[in-house]
Amino acid sequence: MKNVANLLDEKGHAVHTIGPDETVAEALKRMADHNVGALPVLDGDRLVGLISERDYARKVLLAERSSPTTRVREIMMTRVPCVAATRTLEECMAVMTERRVRHLPVVDQGKLIGLISIGDLIKAIVAEQQFIISQLEQYISS
């Protein structure tokens, strides 16, 4: 059974972040530039929040606020569920389902070491299941 460390080794550890005092417009630009749906918010090296496209839609667009003048800290999620690299993919799916989030920062000794999305988890779990099915088919046919 794969864990988060295995997933990050395959996916990569690169994480695009933003600061709490940057604007929402800059966060949206960074998300678009890197084709991601969320950014961990770091104050120095400390994870202080997470901003997602959902936060923008609900807290800026629908609230008729301005992206160039609204700061990330004003709309970011501050109670961010995090996982350790030792957690299994199934445990991460359970956290995401329970907390209704699509992105989980991966933290080791208080440091951000990665970010996984629901898409990353689904892709990895499907690949693992396809491998198991293939192995069972070979076993049955031999």
C-alpha atoms as a PDB file:
ATOM      1  CA  MET A   1       0.000   0.000   0.000  1.00  0.00           C
ATOM      2  CA  LYS A   2       1.422   3.356  -1.052  1.00  0.00           C
ATOM      3  CA  ASN A   3       1.881   6.256   1.284  1.00  0.00           C
ATOM      4  CA  VAL A   4       2.270   9.992   0.762  1.00  0.00           C
ATOM      5  CA  ALA A   5       6.079   9.737   0.548  1.00  0.00           C
ATOM      6  CA  ASN A   6       5.758   7.302  -2.371  1.00  0.00           C
ATOM      7  CA  LEU A   7       3.300   9.630  -4.100  1.00  0.00           C
ATOM      8  CA  LEU A   8       5.577  12.657  -3.651  1.00  0.00           C
ATOM      9  CA  ASP A   9       8.554  10.691  -4.975  1.00  0.00           C
ATOM     10  CA  GLU A  10       6.591  10.029  -8.174  1.00  0.00           C
ATOM     11  CA  LYS A  11       4.888  13.411  -8.437  1.00  0.00           C
ATOM     12  CA  GLY A  12       7.704  15.583  -7.158  1.00  0.00           C
ATOM     13  CA  HIS A  13       8.141  17.742  -4.102  1.00  0.00           C
ATOM     14  CA  ALA A  14       7.829  21.140  -5.794  1.00  0.00           C
ATOM     15  CA  VAL A  15       5.267  23.315  -4.045  1.00  0.00           C
ATOM     16  CA  HIS A  16       4.163  26.729  -5.249  1.00  0.00           C
ATOM     17  CA  THR A  17       3.305  29.010  -2.341  1.00  0.00           C
ATOM     18  CA  ILE A  18       2.207  32.552  -1.618  1.00  0.00           C
ATOM     19  CA  GLY A  19       2.519  34.971   1.291  1.00  0.00           C
ATOM     20  CA  PRO A  20      -0.446  36.166   3.363  1.00  0.00           C
ATOM     21  CA  ASP A  21       0.058  39.826   2.424  1.00  0.00           C
ATOM     22  CA  GLU A  22       0.089  39.246  -1.323  1.00  0.00           C
ATOM     23  CA  THR A  23      -3.075  39.998  -3.269  1.00  0.00           C
ATOM     24  CA  VAL A  24      -5.684  37.512  -4.349  1.00  0.00           C
ATOM     25  CA  ALA A  25      -5.006  38.604  -7.947  1.00  0.00           C
ATOM     26  CA  GLU A  26      -1.372  37.484  -7.535  1.00  0.00           C
ATOM     27  CA  ALA A  27      -2.528  34.184  -6.025  1.00  0.00           C
ATOM     28  CA  LEU A  28      -4.834  33.567  -9.007  1.00  0.00           C
ATOM     29  CA  LYS A  29      -2.047  34.410 -11.437  1.00  0.00           C
ATOM     30  CA  ARG A  30       0.335  32.035  -9.676  1.00  0.00           C
ATOM     31  CA  MET A  31      -2.271  29.247  -9.667  1.00  0.00           C
ATOM     32  CA  ALA A  32      -2.877  29.765 -13.395  1.00  0.00           C
ATOM     33  CA  ASP A  33       0.848  29.944 -14.207  1.00  0.00           C
ATOM     34  CA  HIS A  34       1.511  26.635 -12.443  1.00  0.00           C
ATOM     35  CA  ASN A  35      -1.809  24.963 -13.340  1.00  0.00           C
ATOM     36  CA  VAL A  36      -2.738  24.288  -9.703  1.00  0.00           C
ATOM     37  CA  GLY A  37      -5.987  24.817  -7.813  1.00  0.00           C
ATOM     38  CA  ALA A  38      -4.558  25.892  -4.459  1.00  0.00           C
ATOM     39  CA  LEU A  39      -1.510  27.469  -2.849  1.00  0.00           C
ATOM     40  CA  PRO A  40      -0.202  26.942   0.662  1.00  0.00           C
ATOM     41  CA  VAL A  41       0.211  30.282   2.404  1.00  0.00           C
ATOM     42  CA  LEU A  42       3.560  30.682   4.131  1.00  0.00           C
ATOM     43  CA  ASP A  43       4.648  33.348   6.585  1.00  0.00           C
ATOM     44  CA  GLY A  44       8.378  32.817   6.369  1.00  0.00           C
ATOM     45  CA  ASP A  45       8.718  29.031   6.614  1.00  0.00           C
ATOM     46  CA  ARG A  46       5.535  28.612   8.666  1.00  0.00           C
ATOM     47  CA  LEU A  47       2.349  27.308   7.053  1.00  0.00           C
ATOM     48  CA  VAL A  48      -0.423  29.727   8.039  1.00  0.00           C
ATOM     49  CA  GLY A  49      -3.138  28.882   5.546  1.00  0.00           C
ATOM     50  CA  LEU A  50      -4.261  27.631   2.174  1.00  0.00           C
ATOM     51  CA  ILE A  51      -5.952  29.581  -0.607  1.00  0.00           C
ATOM     52  CA  SER A  52      -7.908  27.830  -3.329  1.00  0.00           C
ATOM     53  CA  GLU A  53      -9.962  28.697  -6.360  1.00  0.00           C
ATOM     54  CA  ARG A  54     -13.002  27.861  -4.227  1.00  0.00           C
ATOM     55  CA  ASP A  55     -11.991  30.565  -1.712  1.00  0.00           C
ATOM     56  CA  TYR A  56     -11.754  33.065  -4.557  1.00  0.00           C
ATOM     57  CA  ALA A  57     -15.140  32.128  -5.989  1.00  0.00           C
ATOM     58  CA  ARG A  58     -16.962  32.261  -2.673  1.00  0.00           C
ATOM     59  CA  LYS A  59     -15.147  34.984  -0.754  1.00  0.00           C
ATOM     60  CA  VAL A  60     -14.170  37.419  -3.494  1.00  0.00           C
ATOM     61  CA  LEU A  61     -16.241  36.921  -6.629  1.00  0.00           C
ATOM     62  CA  LEU A  62     -19.596  36.224  -4.950  1.00  0.00           C
ATOM     63  CA  ALA A  63     -18.912  38.800  -2.238  1.00  0.00           C
ATOM     64  CA  GLU A  64     -18.183  41.380  -4.947  1.00  0.00           C
ATOM     65  CA  ARG A  65     -14.720  42.131  -3.588  1.00  0.00           C
ATOM     66  CA  SER A  66     -11.727  43.186  -5.662  1.00  0.00           C
ATOM     67  CA  SER A  67      -8.945  40.693  -6.391  1.00  0.00           C
ATOM     68  CA  PRO A  68      -6.232  43.351  -6.782  1.00  0.00           C
ATOM     69  CA  THR A  69      -6.996  44.909  -3.380  1.00  0.00           C
ATOM     70  CA  THR A  70      -8.000  41.885  -1.298  1.00  0.00           C
ATOM     71  CA  ARG A  71      -5.139  40.242   0.583  1.00  0.00           C
ATOM     72  CA  VAL A  72      -4.698  36.471   0.706  1.00  0.00           C
ATOM     73  CA  ARG A  73      -4.927  36.548   4.531  1.00  0.00           C
ATOM     74  CA  GLU A  74      -8.467  37.919   4.275  1.00  0.00           C
ATOM     75  CA  ILE A  75      -9.871  34.877   2.465  1.00  0.00           C
ATOM     76  CA  MET A  76      -7.495  31.956   3.095  1.00  0.00           C
ATOM     77  CA  MET A  77      -8.441  28.846   5.049  1.00  0.00           C
ATOM     78  CA  THR A  78      -6.587  29.062   8.359  1.00  0.00           C
ATOM     79  CA  ARG A  79      -7.433  25.681   9.904  1.00  0.00           C
ATOM     80  CA  VAL A  80      -5.660  23.640   7.266  1.00  0.00           C
ATOM     81  CA  PRO A  81      -5.625  19.869   7.645  1.00  0.00           C
ATOM     82  CA  CYS A  82      -2.109  18.553   7.039  1.00  0.00           C
ATOM     83  CA  VAL A  83      -0.686  15.066   6.692  1.00  0.00           C
ATOM     84  CA  ALA A  84       2.649  13.419   7.335  1.00  0.00           C
ATOM     85  CA  ALA A  85       4.505  11.643   4.542  1.00  0.00           C
ATOM     86  CA  THR A  86       3.931   8.337   6.344  1.00  0.00           C
ATOM     87  CA  ARG A  87       0.132   8.475   5.952  1.00  0.00           C
ATOM     88  CA  THR A  88      -1.475   6.080   3.478  1.00  0.00           C
ATOM     89  CA  LEU A  89      -3.354   7.315   0.445  1.00  0.00           C
ATOM     90  CA  GLU A  90      -6.570   5.885   1.879  1.00  0.00           C
ATOM     91  CA  GLU A  91      -6.058   7.844   5.107  1.00  0.00           C
ATOM     92  CA  CYS A  92      -5.587  11.023   3.055  1.00  0.00           C
ATOM     93  CA  MET A  93      -8.812  10.345   1.144  1.00  0.00           C
ATOM     94  CA  ALA A  94     -10.614   9.979   4.472  1.00  0.00           C
ATOM     95  CA  VAL A  95      -9.215  13.317   5.721  1.00  0.00           C
ATOM     96  CA  MET A  96     -10.202  15.058   2.492  1.00  0.00           C
ATOM     97  CA  THR A  97     -13.705  13.615   2.619  1.00  0.00           C
ATOM     98  CA  GLU A  98     -14.217  14.433   6.283  1.00  0.00           C
ATOM     99  CA  ARG A  99     -12.859  17.981   6.019  1.00  0.00           C
ATOM    100  CA  ARG A 100     -14.312  18.594   2.533  1.00  0.00           C
ATOM    101  CA  VAL A 101     -11.029  19.776   1.062  1.00  0.00           C
ATOM    102  CA  ARG A 102      -9.326  18.984  -2.224  1.00  0.00           C
ATOM    103  CA  HIS A 103      -5.732  19.724  -1.232  1.00  0.00           C
ATOM    104  CA  LEU A 104      -3.565  18.543   1.664  1.00  0.00           C
ATOM    105  CA  PRO A 105      -0.237  20.069   2.604  1.00  0.00           C
ATOM    106  CA  VAL A 106       2.359  17.476   3.560  1.00  0.00           C
ATOM    107  CA  VAL A 107       4.371  18.509   6.592  1.00  0.00           C
ATOM    108  CA  ASP A 108       7.475  16.980   8.160  1.00  0.00           C
ATOM    109  CA  GLN A 109       8.779  18.359  11.468  1.00  0.00           C
ATOM    110  CA  GLY A 110       6.790  21.540  10.953  1.00  0.00           C
ATOM    111  CA  LYS A 111       8.105  22.142   7.416  1.00  0.00           C
ATOM    112  CA  LEU A 112       6.034  22.037   4.254  1.00  0.00           C
ATOM    113  CA  ILE A 113       7.475  19.292   2.016  1.00  0.00           C
ATOM    114  CA  GLY A 114       4.693  18.820  -0.517  1.00  0.00           C
ATOM    115  CA  LEU A 115       1.078  19.303  -1.502  1.00  0.00           C
ATOM    116  CA  ILE A 116      -1.243  16.574  -2.717  1.00  0.00           C
ATOM    117  CA  SER A 117      -4.591  16.957  -4.417  1.00  0.00           C
ATOM    118  CA  ILE A 118      -7.605  14.705  -4.676  1.00  0.00           C
ATOM    119  CA  GLY A 119      -6.634  14.193  -8.324  1.00  0.00           C
ATOM    120  CA  ASP A 120      -3.168  12.974  -7.289  1.00  0.00           C
ATOM    121  CA  LEU A 121      -4.738  10.481  -4.893  1.00  0.00           C
ATOM    122  CA  ILE A 122      -7.276   9.167  -7.371  1.00  0.00           C
ATOM    123  CA  LYS A 123      -4.631   8.731 -10.069  1.00  0.00           C
ATOM    124  CA  ALA A 124      -2.315   6.837  -7.688  1.00  0.00           C
ATOM    125  CA  ILE A 125      -5.069   4.630  -6.249  1.00  0.00           C
ATOM    126  CA  VAL A 126      -6.396   3.732  -9.706  1.00  0.00           C
ATOM    127  CA  ALA A 127      -2.871   2.858 -10.902  1.00  0.00           C
ATOM    128  CA  GLU A 128      -2.341   0.672  -7.827  1.00  0.00           C
ATOM    129  CA  GLN A 129      -5.658  -1.110  -8.388  1.00  0.00           C
ATOM    130  CA  GLN A 130      -4.867  -1.666 -12.074  1.00  0.00           C
ATOM    131  CA  PHE A 131      -1.549  -3.236 -11.084  1.00  0.00           C
ATOM    132  CA  ILE A 132      -3.286  -5.567  -8.621  1.00  0.00           C
ATOM    133  CA  ILE A 133      -5.859  -6.559 -11.246  1.00  0.00           C
ATOM    134  CA  SER A 134      -3.089  -7.267 -13.737  1.00  0.00           C
ATOM    135  CA  GLN A 135      -1.270  -9.439 -11.216  1.00  0.00           C
ATOM    136  CA  LEU A 136      -4.446 -11.374 -10.410  1.00  0.00           C
ATOM    137  CA  GLU A 137      -5.196 -11.906 -14.100  1.00  0.00           C
ATOM    138  CA  GLN A 138      -1.669 -13.288 -14.619  1.00  0.00           C
ATOM    139  CA  TYR A 139      -2.066 -15.557 -11.620  1.00  0.00           C
ATOM    140  CA  ILE A 140      -5.414 -16.879 -12.828  1.00  0.00           C
ATOM    141  CA  SER A 141      -4.224 -17.469 -16.391  1.00  0.00           C
ATOM    142  CA  SER A 142      -1.057 -19.330 -15.363  1.00  0.00           C
END
